[in-house]
Amino acid sequence: MTLFVGAHSLLDGRIRQVSDFGDTERPTIRWDLSHSLNGKYSDDYSGNAPICDFLPEENRRAVMETVRSFVTEPVFLEWLASIGRDESLALELYDLPFRYWELYGQSQKRADA
């Protein structure tokens, strides 16, 4: 959930590079040296290499469709029940499960169609 909510702006195409993640995304997802993932993904060092998206559009769509096909209401409710059994986890996640449902739940899939 954390990864998919945090990476949503990359998956929906609002940003194109991992280096474009800012401090405003919540939850914040980062990894060391991600600033170097800036669209220059070739061994052409002449300065003429094209800038490429970190995830091509067809890959982003495939990820979104796959995740949304999995996140059914029964699965989501099972996750909520499981999370609720661990009070510290429930407190730590706060509204993240509901944000996940808003972005990837079956109801979102119908709204985008």
PDB file of N, CA and C in Angstrom:
ATOM      1  N   MET A   1       0.813  -1.186   0.000  1.00  0.00           N
ATOM      2  CA  MET A   1       0.000   0.000   0.000  1.00  0.00           C
ATOM      3  C   MET A   1       0.861   1.257   0.000  1.00  0.00           C
ATOM      4  N   THR A   2       1.874   1.245   0.847  1.00  0.00           N
ATOM      5  CA  THR A   2       2.728   2.425   0.968  1.00  0.00           C
ATOM      6  C   THR A   2       3.372   2.763  -0.367  1.00  0.00           C
ATOM      7  N   LEU A   3       3.936   1.780  -1.021  1.00  0.00           N
ATOM      8  CA  LEU A   3       4.610   2.021  -2.298  1.00  0.00           C
ATOM      9  C   LEU A   3       3.632   2.530  -3.349  1.00  0.00           C
ATOM     10  N   PHE A   4       2.486   1.889  -3.488  1.00  0.00           N
ATOM     11  CA  PHE A   4       1.556   2.284  -4.540  1.00  0.00           C
ATOM     12  C   PHE A   4       0.920   3.647  -4.296  1.00  0.00           C
ATOM     13  N   VAL A   5       0.634   3.980  -3.060  1.00  0.00           N
ATOM     14  CA  VAL A   5       0.107   5.321  -2.777  1.00  0.00           C
ATOM     15  C   VAL A   5       1.205   6.360  -2.988  1.00  0.00           C
ATOM     16  N   GLY A   6       2.400   6.094  -2.468  1.00  0.00           N
ATOM     17  CA  GLY A   6       3.503   7.038  -2.611  1.00  0.00           C
ATOM     18  C   GLY A   6       3.957   7.235  -4.046  1.00  0.00           C
ATOM     19  N   ALA A   7       3.857   6.188  -4.858  1.00  0.00           N
ATOM     20  CA  ALA A   7       4.320   6.255  -6.252  1.00  0.00           C
ATOM     21  C   ALA A   7       3.210   6.611  -7.227  1.00  0.00           C
ATOM     22  N   HIS A   8       2.032   6.925  -6.738  1.00  0.00           N
ATOM     23  CA  HIS A   8       0.894   7.135  -7.629  1.00  0.00           C
ATOM     24  C   HIS A   8       1.143   8.232  -8.664  1.00  0.00           C
ATOM     25  N   SER A   9       1.806   9.305  -8.283  1.00  0.00           N
ATOM     26  CA  SER A   9       2.049  10.384  -9.252  1.00  0.00           C
ATOM     27  C   SER A   9       2.971   9.924 -10.388  1.00  0.00           C
ATOM     28  N   LEU A  10       3.822   8.948 -10.147  1.00  0.00           N
ATOM     29  CA  LEU A  10       4.647   8.371 -11.211  1.00  0.00           C
ATOM     30  C   LEU A  10       3.809   7.405 -12.050  1.00  0.00           C
ATOM     31  N   LEU A  11       2.987   6.603 -11.386  1.00  0.00           N
ATOM     32  CA  LEU A  11       2.181   5.612 -12.099  1.00  0.00           C
ATOM     33  C   LEU A  11       1.079   6.241 -12.944  1.00  0.00           C
ATOM     34  N   ASP A  12       0.547   7.374 -12.517  1.00  0.00           N
ATOM     35  CA  ASP A  12      -0.512   8.002 -13.320  1.00  0.00           C
ATOM     36  C   ASP A  12       0.037   9.019 -14.324  1.00  0.00           C
ATOM     37  N   GLY A  13       1.354   9.194 -14.364  1.00  0.00           N
ATOM     38  CA  GLY A  13       1.989  10.036 -15.368  1.00  0.00           C
ATOM     39  C   GLY A  13       2.148  11.498 -15.010  1.00  0.00           C
ATOM     40  N   ARG A  14       1.762  11.905 -13.798  1.00  0.00           N
ATOM     41  CA  ARG A  14       1.949  13.311 -13.424  1.00  0.00           C
ATOM     42  C   ARG A  14       3.421  13.670 -13.333  1.00  0.00           C
ATOM     43  N   ILE A  15       4.240  12.725 -12.910  1.00  0.00           N
ATOM     44  CA  ILE A  15       5.691  12.922 -12.983  1.00  0.00           C
ATOM     45  C   ILE A  15       6.261  11.804 -13.838  1.00  0.00           C
ATOM     46  N   ARG A  16       7.411  12.056 -14.435  1.00  0.00           N
ATOM     47  CA  ARG A  16       7.981  11.097 -15.396  1.00  0.00           C
ATOM     48  C   ARG A  16       9.255  10.419 -14.910  1.00  0.00           C
ATOM     49  N   GLN A  17       9.880  11.013 -13.893  1.00  0.00           N
ATOM     50  CA  GLN A  17      11.153  10.484 -13.410  1.00  0.00           C
ATOM     51  C   GLN A  17      11.114  10.293 -11.899  1.00  0.00           C
ATOM     52  N   VAL A  18      11.821   9.297 -11.428  1.00  0.00           N
ATOM     53  CA  VAL A  18      11.918   9.078  -9.986  1.00  0.00           C
ATOM     54  C   VAL A  18      12.555  10.287  -9.316  1.00  0.00           C
ATOM     55  N   SER A  19      13.446  10.952 -10.010  1.00  0.00           N
ATOM     56  CA  SER A  19      14.103  12.141  -9.448  1.00  0.00           C
ATOM     57  C   SER A  19      13.133  13.303  -9.257  1.00  0.00           C
ATOM     58  N   ASP A  20      11.925  13.208  -9.840  1.00  0.00           N
ATOM     59  CA  ASP A  20      10.932  14.274  -9.705  1.00  0.00           C
ATOM     60  C   ASP A  20      10.080  14.152  -8.444  1.00  0.00           C
ATOM     61  N   PHE A  21      10.207  13.050  -7.714  1.00  0.00           N
ATOM     62  CA  PHE A  21       9.454  12.949  -6.470  1.00  0.00           C
ATOM     63  C   PHE A  21       9.884  14.077  -5.554  1.00  0.00           C
ATOM     64  N   GLY A  22       8.918  14.762  -4.992  1.00  0.00           N
ATOM     65  CA  GLY A  22       9.221  15.860  -4.085  1.00  0.00           C
ATOM     66  C   GLY A  22       8.929  15.466  -2.652  1.00  0.00           C
ATOM     67  N   ASP A  23       9.030  16.433  -1.801  1.00  0.00           N
ATOM     68  CA  ASP A  23       8.754  16.200  -0.390  1.00  0.00           C
ATOM     69  C   ASP A  23       7.268  16.293  -0.073  1.00  0.00           C
ATOM     70  N   THR A  24       6.444  16.608  -1.069  1.00  0.00           N
ATOM     71  CA  THR A  24       5.014  16.775  -0.811  1.00  0.00           C
ATOM     72  C   THR A  24       4.241  15.467  -0.933  1.00  0.00           C
ATOM     73  N   GLU A  25       4.800  14.474  -1.631  1.00  0.00           N
ATOM     74  CA  GLU A  25       4.115  13.188  -1.753  1.00  0.00           C
ATOM     75  C   GLU A  25       4.054  12.513  -0.394  1.00  0.00           C
ATOM     76  N   ARG A  26       2.900  11.993  -0.089  1.00  0.00           N
ATOM     77  CA  ARG A  26       2.716  11.253   1.163  1.00  0.00           C
ATOM     78  C   ARG A  26       2.046   9.944   0.857  1.00  0.00           C
ATOM     79  N   PRO A  27       2.586   8.857   1.283  1.00  0.00           N
ATOM     80  CA  PRO A  27       3.840   8.768   2.002  1.00  0.00           C
ATOM     81  C   PRO A  27       5.023   9.003   1.066  1.00  0.00           C
ATOM     82  N   THR A  28       6.093   9.486   1.626  1.00  0.00           N
ATOM     83  CA  THR A  28       7.296   9.737   0.864  1.00  0.00           C
ATOM     84  C   THR A  28       7.992   8.411   0.587  1.00  0.00           C
ATOM     85  N   ILE A  29       8.315   8.172  -0.661  1.00  0.00           N
ATOM     86  CA  ILE A  29       9.100   6.994  -1.016  1.00  0.00           C
ATOM     87  C   ILE A  29      10.390   7.474  -1.659  1.00  0.00           C
ATOM     88  N   ARG A  30      11.461   6.888  -1.261  1.00  0.00           N
ATOM     89  CA  ARG A  30      12.788   7.294  -1.754  1.00  0.00           C
ATOM     90  C   ARG A  30      13.735   6.096  -1.742  1.00  0.00           C
ATOM     91  N   TRP A  31      14.787   6.207  -2.520  1.00  0.00           N
ATOM     92  CA  TRP A  31      15.902   5.293  -2.370  1.00  0.00           C
ATOM     93  C   TRP A  31      17.171   6.036  -2.721  1.00  0.00           C
ATOM     94  N   ASP A  32      18.283   5.527  -2.189  1.00  0.00           N
ATOM     95  CA  ASP A  32      19.574   6.189  -2.377  1.00  0.00           C
ATOM     96  C   ASP A  32      19.887   6.360  -3.860  1.00  0.00           C
ATOM     97  N   LEU A  33      20.420   7.505  -4.171  1.00  0.00           N
ATOM     98  CA  LEU A  33      20.886   7.876  -5.511  1.00  0.00           C
ATOM     99  C   LEU A  33      19.779   7.977  -6.550  1.00  0.00           C
ATOM    100  N   SER A  34      18.511   8.065  -6.118  1.00  0.00           N
ATOM    101  CA  SER A  34      17.418   8.167  -7.089  1.00  0.00           C
ATOM    102  C   SER A  34      17.489   9.473  -7.887  1.00  0.00           C
ATOM    103  N   HIS A  35      18.233  10.443  -7.391  1.00  0.00           N
ATOM    104  CA  HIS A  35      18.390  11.695  -8.140  1.00  0.00           C
ATOM    105  C   HIS A  35      19.053  11.454  -9.497  1.00  0.00           C
ATOM    106  N   SER A  36      19.763  10.340  -9.629  1.00  0.00           N
ATOM    107  CA  SER A  36      20.426  10.050 -10.898  1.00  0.00           C
ATOM    108  C   SER A  36      19.478   9.395 -11.912  1.00  0.00           C
ATOM    109  N   LEU A  37      18.277   9.039 -11.483  1.00  0.00           N
ATOM    110  CA  LEU A  37      17.300   8.448 -12.393  1.00  0.00           C
ATOM    111  C   LEU A  37      16.481   9.581 -13.021  1.00  0.00           C
ATOM    112  N   ASN A  38      17.067  10.193 -14.028  1.00  0.00           N
ATOM    113  CA  ASN A  38      16.508  11.431 -14.572  1.00  0.00           C
ATOM    114  C   ASN A  38      16.181  11.356 -16.055  1.00  0.00           C
ATOM    115  N   GLY A  39      16.043  10.154 -16.599  1.00  0.00           N
ATOM    116  CA  GLY A  39      15.647  10.016 -17.995  1.00  0.00           C
ATOM    117  C   GLY A  39      16.759   9.728 -18.968  1.00  0.00           C
ATOM    118  N   LYS A  40      17.984   9.729 -18.492  1.00  0.00           N
ATOM    119  CA  LYS A  40      19.120   9.452 -19.367  1.00  0.00           C
ATOM    120  C   LYS A  40      19.545   8.003 -19.127  1.00  0.00           C
ATOM    121  N   TYR A  41      18.872   7.100 -19.850  1.00  0.00           N
ATOM    122  CA  TYR A  41      19.052   5.673 -19.611  1.00  0.00           C
ATOM    123  C   TYR A  41      19.694   4.980 -20.802  1.00  0.00           C
ATOM    124  N   SER A  42      20.819   5.497 -21.257  1.00  0.00           N
ATOM    125  CA  SER A  42      21.524   4.843 -22.359  1.00  0.00           C
ATOM    126  C   SER A  42      23.019   4.961 -22.117  1.00  0.00           C
ATOM    127  N   ASP A  43      23.757   4.291 -22.961  1.00  0.00           N
ATOM    128  CA  ASP A  43      25.212   4.400 -22.860  1.00  0.00           C
ATOM    129  C   ASP A  43      25.753   5.461 -23.821  1.00  0.00           C
ATOM    130  N   ASP A  44      24.864   6.308 -24.328  1.00  0.00           N
ATOM    131  CA  ASP A  44      25.250   7.421 -25.193  1.00  0.00           C
ATOM    132  C   ASP A  44      25.559   8.623 -24.299  1.00  0.00           C
ATOM    133  N   TYR A  45      26.833   8.950 -24.184  1.00  0.00           N
ATOM    134  CA  TYR A  45      27.258  10.052 -23.316  1.00  0.00           C
ATOM    135  C   TYR A  45      27.575  11.322 -24.102  1.00  0.00           C
ATOM    136  N   SER A  46      27.087  11.383 -25.338  1.00  0.00           N
ATOM    137  CA  SER A  46      27.382  12.533 -26.197  1.00  0.00           C
ATOM    138  C   SER A  46      26.529  13.749 -25.850  1.00  0.00           C
ATOM    139  N   GLY A  47      25.495  13.543 -25.055  1.00  0.00           N
ATOM    140  CA  GLY A  47      24.567  14.624 -24.763  1.00  0.00           C
ATOM    141  C   GLY A  47      23.386  14.645 -25.717  1.00  0.00           C
ATOM    142  N   ASN A  48      23.381  13.726 -26.679  1.00  0.00           N
ATOM    143  CA  ASN A  48      22.299  13.674 -27.671  1.00  0.00           C
ATOM    144  C   ASN A  48      21.297  12.555 -27.410  1.00  0.00           C
ATOM    145  N   ALA A  49      21.470  11.812 -26.358  1.00  0.00           N
ATOM    146  CA  ALA A  49      20.558  10.699 -26.066  1.00  0.00           C
ATOM    147  C   ALA A  49      19.187  11.252 -25.687  1.00  0.00           C
ATOM    148  N   PRO A  50      18.141  10.613 -26.159  1.00  0.00           N
ATOM    149  CA  PRO A  50      16.797  11.098 -25.813  1.00  0.00           C
ATOM    150  C   PRO A  50      16.492  10.861 -24.337  1.00  0.00           C
ATOM    151  N   ILE A  51      15.666  11.729 -23.785  1.00  0.00           N
ATOM    152  CA  ILE A  51      15.187  11.559 -22.416  1.00  0.00           C
ATOM    153  C   ILE A  51      14.016  10.575 -22.469  1.00  0.00           C
ATOM    154  N   CYS A  52      14.064   9.559 -21.649  1.00  0.00           N
ATOM    155  CA  CYS A  52      13.018   8.532 -21.616  1.00  0.00           C
ATOM    156  C   CYS A  52      12.308   8.563 -20.269  1.00  0.00           C
ATOM    157  N   ASP A  53      11.025   8.228 -20.286  1.00  0.00           N
ATOM    158  CA  ASP A  53      10.289   8.088 -19.025  1.00  0.00           C
ATOM    159  C   ASP A  53      10.874   6.936 -18.227  1.00  0.00           C
ATOM    160  N   PHE A  54      10.885   7.066 -16.898  1.00  0.00           N
ATOM    161  CA  PHE A  54      11.348   5.975 -16.044  1.00  0.00           C
ATOM    162  C   PHE A  54      10.508   4.724 -16.289  1.00  0.00           C
ATOM    163  N   LEU A  55       9.197   4.902 -16.369  1.00  0.00           N
ATOM    164  CA  LEU A  55       8.283   3.815 -16.724  1.00  0.00           C
ATOM    165  C   LEU A  55       7.532   4.226 -17.985  1.00  0.00           C
ATOM    166  N   PRO A  56       7.690   3.499 -19.066  1.00  0.00           N
ATOM    167  CA  PRO A  56       6.931   3.832 -20.268  1.00  0.00           C
ATOM    168  C   PRO A  56       5.419   3.766 -19.996  1.00  0.00           C
ATOM    169  N   GLU A  57       4.661   4.521 -20.766  1.00  0.00           N
ATOM    170  CA  GLU A  57       3.217   4.613 -20.554  1.00  0.00           C
ATOM    171  C   GLU A  57       2.542   3.246 -20.528  1.00  0.00           C
ATOM    172  N   GLU A  58       2.908   2.360 -21.433  1.00  0.00           N
ATOM    173  CA  GLU A  58       2.261   1.045 -21.458  1.00  0.00           C
ATOM    174  C   GLU A  58       2.560   0.239 -20.192  1.00  0.00           C
ATOM    175  N   ASN A  59       3.735   0.420 -19.619  1.00  0.00           N
ATOM    176  CA  ASN A  59       4.073  -0.249 -18.358  1.00  0.00           C
ATOM    177  C   ASN A  59       3.276   0.349 -17.202  1.00  0.00           C
ATOM    178  N   ARG A  60       3.156   1.688 -17.188  1.00  0.00           N
ATOM    179  CA  ARG A  60       2.375   2.342 -16.131  1.00  0.00           C
ATOM    180  C   ARG A  60       0.928   1.872 -16.174  1.00  0.00           C
ATOM    181  N   ARG A  61       0.367   1.827 -17.365  1.00  0.00           N
ATOM    182  CA  ARG A  61      -1.021   1.360 -17.506  1.00  0.00           C
ATOM    183  C   ARG A  61      -1.173  -0.081 -17.040  1.00  0.00           C
ATOM    184  N   ALA A  62      -0.225  -0.919 -17.403  1.00  0.00           N
ATOM    185  CA  ALA A  62      -0.292  -2.325 -17.006  1.00  0.00           C
ATOM    186  C   ALA A  62      -0.249  -2.471 -15.484  1.00  0.00           C
ATOM    187  N   VAL A  63       0.608  -1.689 -14.834  1.00  0.00           N
ATOM    188  CA  VAL A  63       0.681  -1.734 -13.374  1.00  0.00           C
ATOM    189  C   VAL A  63      -0.649  -1.302 -12.770  1.00  0.00           C
ATOM    190  N   MET A  64      -1.174  -0.181 -13.237  1.00  0.00           N
ATOM    191  CA  MET A  64      -2.443   0.336 -12.690  1.00  0.00           C
ATOM    192  C   MET A  64      -3.570  -0.675 -12.906  1.00  0.00           C
ATOM    193  N   GLU A  65      -3.672  -1.235 -14.089  1.00  0.00           N
ATOM    194  CA  GLU A  65      -4.736  -2.208 -14.372  1.00  0.00           C
ATOM    195  C   GLU A  65      -4.587  -3.453 -13.510  1.00  0.00           C
ATOM    196  N   THR A  66      -3.361  -3.921 -13.347  1.00  0.00           N
ATOM    197  CA  THR A  66      -3.132  -5.130 -12.552  1.00  0.00           C
ATOM    198  C   THR A  66      -3.477  -4.901 -11.096  1.00  0.00           C
ATOM    199  N   VAL A  67      -3.006  -3.817 -10.541  1.00  0.00           N
ATOM    200  CA  VAL A  67      -3.300  -3.526  -9.133  1.00  0.00           C
ATOM    201  C   VAL A  67      -4.797  -3.352  -8.937  1.00  0.00           C
ATOM    202  N   ARG A  68      -5.435  -2.607  -9.822  1.00  0.00           N
ATOM    203  CA  ARG A  68      -6.877  -2.365  -9.685  1.00  0.00           C
ATOM    204  C   ARG A  68      -7.686  -3.657  -9.861  1.00  0.00           C
ATOM    205  N   SER A  69      -7.209  -4.581 -10.670  1.00  0.00           N
ATOM    206  CA  SER A  69      -7.946  -5.835 -10.844  1.00  0.00           C
ATOM    207  C   SER A  69      -7.882  -6.699  -9.580  1.00  0.00           C
ATOM    208  N   PHE A  70      -6.854  -6.517  -8.800  1.00  0.00           N
ATOM    209  CA  PHE A  70      -6.661  -7.301  -7.584  1.00  0.00           C
ATOM    210  C   PHE A  70      -7.414  -6.722  -6.388  1.00  0.00           C
ATOM    211  N   VAL A  71      -7.564  -5.410  -6.344  1.00  0.00           N
ATOM    212  CA  VAL A  71      -8.113  -4.734  -5.167  1.00  0.00           C
ATOM    213  C   VAL A  71      -9.639  -4.715  -5.240  1.00  0.00           C
ATOM    214  N   THR A  72     -10.227  -5.859  -4.931  1.00  0.00           N
ATOM    215  CA  THR A  72     -11.680  -5.956  -4.863  1.00  0.00           C
ATOM    216  C   THR A  72     -12.141  -5.524  -3.477  1.00  0.00           C
ATOM    217  N   GLU A  73     -13.408  -5.265  -3.338  1.00  0.00           N
ATOM    218  CA  GLU A  73     -13.924  -4.864  -2.031  1.00  0.00           C
ATOM    219  C   GLU A  73     -13.695  -5.945  -0.969  1.00  0.00           C
ATOM    220  N   PRO A  74     -13.944  -7.241  -1.259  1.00  0.00           N
ATOM    221  CA  PRO A  74     -13.658  -8.258  -0.231  1.00  0.00           C
ATOM    222  C   PRO A  74     -12.190  -8.301   0.179  1.00  0.00           C
ATOM    223  N   VAL A  75     -11.282  -8.154  -0.774  1.00  0.00           N
ATOM    224  CA  VAL A  75      -9.846  -8.143  -0.446  1.00  0.00           C
ATOM    225  C   VAL A  75      -9.532  -6.945   0.434  1.00  0.00           C
ATOM    226  N   PHE A  76     -10.037  -5.793   0.069  1.00  0.00           N
ATOM    227  CA  PHE A  76      -9.781  -4.583   0.843  1.00  0.00           C
ATOM    228  C   PHE A  76     -10.331  -4.719   2.262  1.00  0.00           C
ATOM    229  N   LEU A  77     -11.543  -5.221   2.402  1.00  0.00           N
ATOM    230  CA  LEU A  77     -12.126  -5.388   3.737  1.00  0.00           C
ATOM    231  C   LEU A  77     -11.346  -6.399   4.570  1.00  0.00           C
ATOM    232  N   GLU A  78     -10.821  -7.427   3.929  1.00  0.00           N
ATOM    233  CA  GLU A  78      -9.974  -8.394   4.640  1.00  0.00           C
ATOM    234  C   GLU A  78      -8.692  -7.724   5.125  1.00  0.00           C
ATOM    235  N   TRP A  79      -8.098  -6.885   4.267  1.00  0.00           N
ATOM    236  CA  TRP A  79      -6.898  -6.147   4.680  1.00  0.00           C
ATOM    237  C   TRP A  79      -7.205  -5.251   5.872  1.00  0.00           C
ATOM    238  N   LEU A  80      -8.311  -4.528   5.815  1.00  0.00           N
ATOM    239  CA  LEU A  80      -8.677  -3.644   6.920  1.00  0.00           C
ATOM    240  C   LEU A  80      -8.843  -4.425   8.218  1.00  0.00           C
ATOM    241  N   ALA A  81      -9.501  -5.571   8.147  1.00  0.00           N
ATOM    242  CA  ALA A  81      -9.693  -6.395   9.347  1.00  0.00           C
ATOM    243  C   ALA A  81      -8.349  -6.868   9.878  1.00  0.00           C
ATOM    244  N   SER A  82      -7.477  -7.272   8.993  1.00  0.00           N
ATOM    245  CA  SER A  82      -6.150  -7.738   9.399  1.00  0.00           C
ATOM    246  C   SER A  82      -5.341  -6.605  10.037  1.00  0.00           C
ATOM    247  N   ILE A  83      -5.367  -5.435   9.416  1.00  0.00           N
ATOM    248  CA  ILE A  83      -4.651  -4.270   9.953  1.00  0.00           C
ATOM    249  C   ILE A  83      -5.225  -3.890  11.312  1.00  0.00           C
ATOM    250  N   GLY A  84      -6.543  -3.955  11.447  1.00  0.00           N
ATOM    251  CA  GLY A  84      -7.209  -3.564  12.689  1.00  0.00           C
ATOM    252  C   GLY A  84      -6.859  -4.444  13.876  1.00  0.00           C
ATOM    253  N   ARG A  85      -6.396  -5.650  13.603  1.00  0.00           N
ATOM    254  CA  ARG A  85      -6.007  -6.548  14.702  1.00  0.00           C
ATOM    255  C   ARG A  85      -4.686  -6.125  15.355  1.00  0.00           C
ATOM    256  N   ASP A  86      -3.946  -5.262  14.693  1.00  0.00           N
ATOM    257  CA  ASP A  86      -2.670  -4.784  15.237  1.00  0.00           C
ATOM    258  C   ASP A  86      -2.801  -3.271  15.448  1.00  0.00           C
ATOM    259  N   GLU A  87      -3.048  -2.879  16.680  1.00  0.00           N
ATOM    260  CA  GLU A  87      -3.325  -1.469  16.975  1.00  0.00           C
ATOM    261  C   GLU A  87      -2.199  -0.547  16.540  1.00  0.00           C
ATOM    262  N   SER A  88      -0.947  -0.945  16.760  1.00  0.00           N
ATOM    263  CA  SER A  88       0.165  -0.066  16.388  1.00  0.00           C
ATOM    264  C   SER A  88       0.238   0.093  14.871  1.00  0.00           C
ATOM    265  N   LEU A  89      -0.036  -0.964  14.125  1.00  0.00           N
ATOM    266  CA  LEU A  89      -0.036  -0.866  12.664  1.00  0.00           C
ATOM    267  C   LEU A  89      -1.180   0.024  12.193  1.00  0.00           C
ATOM    268  N   ALA A  90      -2.349  -0.157  12.771  1.00  0.00           N
ATOM    269  CA  ALA A  90      -3.504   0.671  12.398  1.00  0.00           C
ATOM    270  C   ALA A  90      -3.222   2.142  12.658  1.00  0.00           C
ATOM    271  N   LEU A  91      -2.602   2.458  13.782  1.00  0.00           N
ATOM    272  CA  LEU A  91      -2.271   3.849  14.085  1.00  0.00           C
ATOM    273  C   LEU A  91      -1.206   4.390  13.131  1.00  0.00           C
ATOM    274  N   GLU A  92      -0.233   3.559  12.816  1.00  0.00           N
ATOM    275  CA  GLU A  92       0.854   3.985  11.935  1.00  0.00           C
ATOM    276  C   GLU A  92       0.347   4.254  10.517  1.00  0.00           C
ATOM    277  N   LEU A  93      -0.562   3.425  10.042  1.00  0.00           N
ATOM    278  CA  LEU A  93      -1.062   3.583   8.677  1.00  0.00           C
ATOM    279  C   LEU A  93      -2.076   4.715   8.540  1.00  0.00           C
ATOM    280  N   TYR A  94      -2.737   5.055   9.633  1.00  0.00           N
ATOM    281  CA  TYR A  94      -3.710   6.153   9.665  1.00  0.00           C
ATOM    282  C   TYR A  94      -4.695   6.008   8.506  1.00  0.00           C
ATOM    283  N   ASP A  95      -4.702   6.943   7.549  1.00  0.00           N
ATOM    284  CA  ASP A  95      -5.681   6.883   6.465  1.00  0.00           C
ATOM    285  C   ASP A  95      -5.145   6.234   5.197  1.00  0.00           C
ATOM    286  N   LEU A  96      -3.923   5.697   5.236  1.00  0.00           N
ATOM    287  CA  LEU A  96      -3.295   5.126   4.052  1.00  0.00           C
ATOM    288  C   LEU A  96      -4.153   4.042   3.388  1.00  0.00           C
ATOM    289  N   PRO A  97      -4.743   3.104   4.120  1.00  0.00           N
ATOM    290  CA  PRO A  97      -5.577   2.103   3.437  1.00  0.00           C
ATOM    291  C   PRO A  97      -6.737   2.721   2.660  1.00  0.00           C
ATOM    292  N   PHE A  98      -7.332   3.766   3.180  1.00  0.00           N
ATOM    293  CA  PHE A  98      -8.461   4.402   2.497  1.00  0.00           C
ATOM    294  C   PHE A  98      -7.996   5.191   1.280  1.00  0.00           C
ATOM    295  N   ARG A  99      -6.836   5.795   1.384  1.00  0.00           N
ATOM    296  CA  ARG A  99      -6.260   6.476   0.213  1.00  0.00           C
ATOM    297  C   ARG A  99      -5.944   5.454  -0.876  1.00  0.00           C
ATOM    298  N   TYR A 100      -5.420   4.301  -0.463  1.00  0.00           N
ATOM    299  CA  TYR A 100      -5.139   3.213  -1.400  1.00  0.00           C
ATOM    300  C   TYR A 100      -6.425   2.787  -2.109  1.00  0.00           C
ATOM    301  N   TRP A 101      -7.490   2.605  -1.340  1.00  0.00           N
ATOM    302  CA  TRP A 101      -8.777   2.205  -1.923  1.00  0.00           C
ATOM    303  C   TRP A 101      -9.283   3.263  -2.906  1.00  0.00           C
ATOM    304  N   GLU A 102      -9.149   4.535  -2.551  1.00  0.00           N
ATOM    305  CA  GLU A 102      -9.587   5.606  -3.449  1.00  0.00           C
ATOM    306  C   GLU A 102      -8.828   5.574  -4.775  1.00  0.00           C
ATOM    307  N   LEU A 103      -7.550   5.260  -4.735  1.00  0.00           N
ATOM    308  CA  LEU A 103      -6.713   5.267  -5.931  1.00  0.00           C
ATOM    309  C   LEU A 103      -6.816   3.995  -6.753  1.00  0.00           C
ATOM    310  N   TYR A 104      -6.964   2.851  -6.078  1.00  0.00           N
ATOM    311  CA  TYR A 104      -6.820   1.573  -6.766  1.00  0.00           C
ATOM    312  C   TYR A 104      -7.998   0.623  -6.608  1.00  0.00           C
ATOM    313  N   GLY A 105      -8.982   0.966  -5.787  1.00  0.00           N
ATOM    314  CA  GLY A 105     -10.101   0.065  -5.565  1.00  0.00           C
ATOM    315  C   GLY A 105     -10.959  -0.108  -6.804  1.00  0.00           C
ATOM    316  N   GLN A 106     -11.763  -1.159  -6.808  1.00  0.00           N
ATOM    317  CA  GLN A 106     -12.628  -1.469  -7.945  1.00  0.00           C
ATOM    318  C   GLN A 106     -13.539  -0.300  -8.306  1.00  0.00           C
ATOM    319  N   SER A 107     -13.975   0.471  -7.308  1.00  0.00           N
ATOM    320  CA  SER A 107     -14.839   1.606  -7.619  1.00  0.00           C
ATOM    321  C   SER A 107     -14.092   2.645  -8.446  1.00  0.00           C
ATOM    322  N   GLN A 108     -12.793   2.803  -8.220  1.00  0.00           N
ATOM    323  CA  GLN A 108     -11.970   3.732  -9.015  1.00  0.00           C
ATOM    324  C   GLN A 108     -11.842   3.226 -10.443  1.00  0.00           C
ATOM    325  N   LYS A 109     -11.717   1.930 -10.610  1.00  0.00           N
ATOM    326  CA  LYS A 109     -11.596   1.358 -11.951  1.00  0.00           C
ATOM    327  C   LYS A 109     -12.831   1.712 -12.782  1.00  0.00           C
ATOM    328  N   ARG A 110     -14.015   1.602 -12.195  1.00  0.00           N
ATOM    329  CA  ARG A 110     -15.248   1.943 -12.903  1.00  0.00           C
ATOM    330  C   ARG A 110     -15.310   3.442 -13.194  1.00  0.00           C
ATOM    331  N   ALA A 111     -14.835   4.271 -12.264  1.00  0.00           N
ATOM    332  CA  ALA A 111     -14.892   5.726 -12.452  1.00  0.00           C
ATOM    333  C   ALA A 111     -14.002   6.183 -13.599  1.00  0.00           C
ATOM    334  N   ASP A 112     -12.878   5.476 -13.823  1.00  0.00           N
ATOM    335  CA  ASP A 112     -11.952   5.848 -14.886  1.00  0.00           C
ATOM    336  C   ASP A 112     -12.415   5.353 -16.252  1.00  0.00           C
ATOM    337  N   ALA A 113     -13.300   4.391 -16.292  1.00  0.00           N
ATOM    338  CA  ALA A 113     -13.697   3.755 -17.551  1.00  0.00           C
ATOM    339  C   ALA A 113     -14.456   4.688 -18.465  1.00  0.00           C
TER     340      ALA A 113
END
